[in-house]
Amino acid sequence: YTQDMILSFKLWSSRGLSQLKEFLADL
């Protein structure tokens, strides 16, 4: 259960970082 939370958080954070980079690139 804990590993699943950590794994999903890693996936979410990496996805969020890529979206943030695209957002900053559009500015």
N, C-alpha and C. Protein backbone atom coordinates (compact mmCIF):
# COMPACT_ATOMS: atom_id res chain seq x y z
N TYR A 1 0.85 -1.21 0.00
CA TYR A 1 0.00 0.00 0.00
C TYR A 1 0.87 1.25 0.00
N THR A 2 1.85 1.27 0.90
CA THR A 2 2.72 2.46 0.97
C THR A 2 3.53 2.60 -0.31
N GLN A 3 4.02 1.47 -0.84
CA GLN A 3 4.81 1.53 -2.07
C GLN A 3 3.96 2.04 -3.22
N ASP A 4 2.69 1.65 -3.25
CA ASP A 4 1.80 2.13 -4.31
C ASP A 4 1.63 3.63 -4.22
N MET A 5 1.51 4.15 -3.00
CA MET A 5 1.35 5.59 -2.83
C MET A 5 2.60 6.31 -3.31
N ILE A 6 3.77 5.79 -2.93
CA ILE A 6 5.03 6.42 -3.35
C ILE A 6 5.17 6.36 -4.87
N LEU A 7 4.82 5.22 -5.46
CA LEU A 7 4.94 5.07 -6.91
C LEU A 7 4.01 6.03 -7.63
N SER A 8 2.76 6.11 -7.17
CA SER A 8 1.80 7.01 -7.81
C SER A 8 2.23 8.45 -7.64
N PHE A 9 2.81 8.77 -6.48
CA PHE A 9 3.28 10.14 -6.25
C PHE A 9 4.43 10.47 -7.19
N LYS A 10 5.32 9.50 -7.40
CA LYS A 10 6.45 9.73 -8.33
C LYS A 10 5.92 9.98 -9.73
N LEU A 11 4.94 9.16 -10.14
CA LEU A 11 4.37 9.34 -11.48
C LEU A 11 3.69 10.69 -11.59
N TRP A 12 2.94 11.07 -10.53
CA TRP A 12 2.22 12.35 -10.56
C TRP A 12 3.20 13.51 -10.58
N SER A 13 4.26 13.42 -9.77
CA SER A 13 5.22 14.53 -9.69
C SER A 13 5.98 14.67 -11.01
N SER A 14 6.36 13.54 -11.61
CA SER A 14 7.09 13.62 -12.88
C SER A 14 6.18 14.19 -13.97
N ARG A 15 4.89 13.81 -13.94
CA ARG A 15 3.94 14.35 -14.92
C ARG A 15 3.74 15.83 -14.67
N GLY A 16 3.65 16.22 -13.41
CA GLY A 16 3.46 17.62 -13.07
C GLY A 16 4.66 18.45 -13.49
N LEU A 17 5.86 17.89 -13.33
CA LEU A 17 7.07 18.62 -13.71
C LEU A 17 7.10 18.85 -15.22
N SER A 18 6.74 17.84 -16.00
CA SER A 18 6.74 18.00 -17.46
C SER A 18 5.70 19.03 -17.88
N GLN A 19 4.53 19.01 -17.23
CA GLN A 19 3.50 19.99 -17.57
C GLN A 19 3.97 21.38 -17.18
N LEU A 20 4.68 21.49 -16.05
CA LEU A 20 5.17 22.79 -15.60
C LEU A 20 6.21 23.32 -16.59
N LYS A 21 7.06 22.43 -17.10
CA LYS A 21 8.06 22.85 -18.09
C LYS A 21 7.39 23.37 -19.35
N GLU A 22 6.35 22.67 -19.81
CA GLU A 22 5.63 23.12 -21.01
C GLU A 22 4.97 24.46 -20.74
N PHE A 23 4.41 24.64 -19.55
CA PHE A 23 3.75 25.89 -19.20
C PHE A 23 4.76 27.03 -19.20
N LEU A 24 5.93 26.79 -18.62
CA LEU A 24 6.97 27.83 -18.58
C LEU A 24 7.49 28.12 -19.98
N ALA A 25 7.54 27.10 -20.83
CA ALA A 25 8.05 27.29 -22.18
C ALA A 25 7.07 28.15 -23.00
N ASP A 26 5.79 28.08 -22.66
CA ASP A 26 4.79 28.86 -23.40
C ASP A 26 4.82 30.33 -23.00
N LEU A 27 5.37 30.65 -21.84
CA LEU A 27 5.37 32.04 -21.38
C LEU A 27 6.28 32.90 -22.24
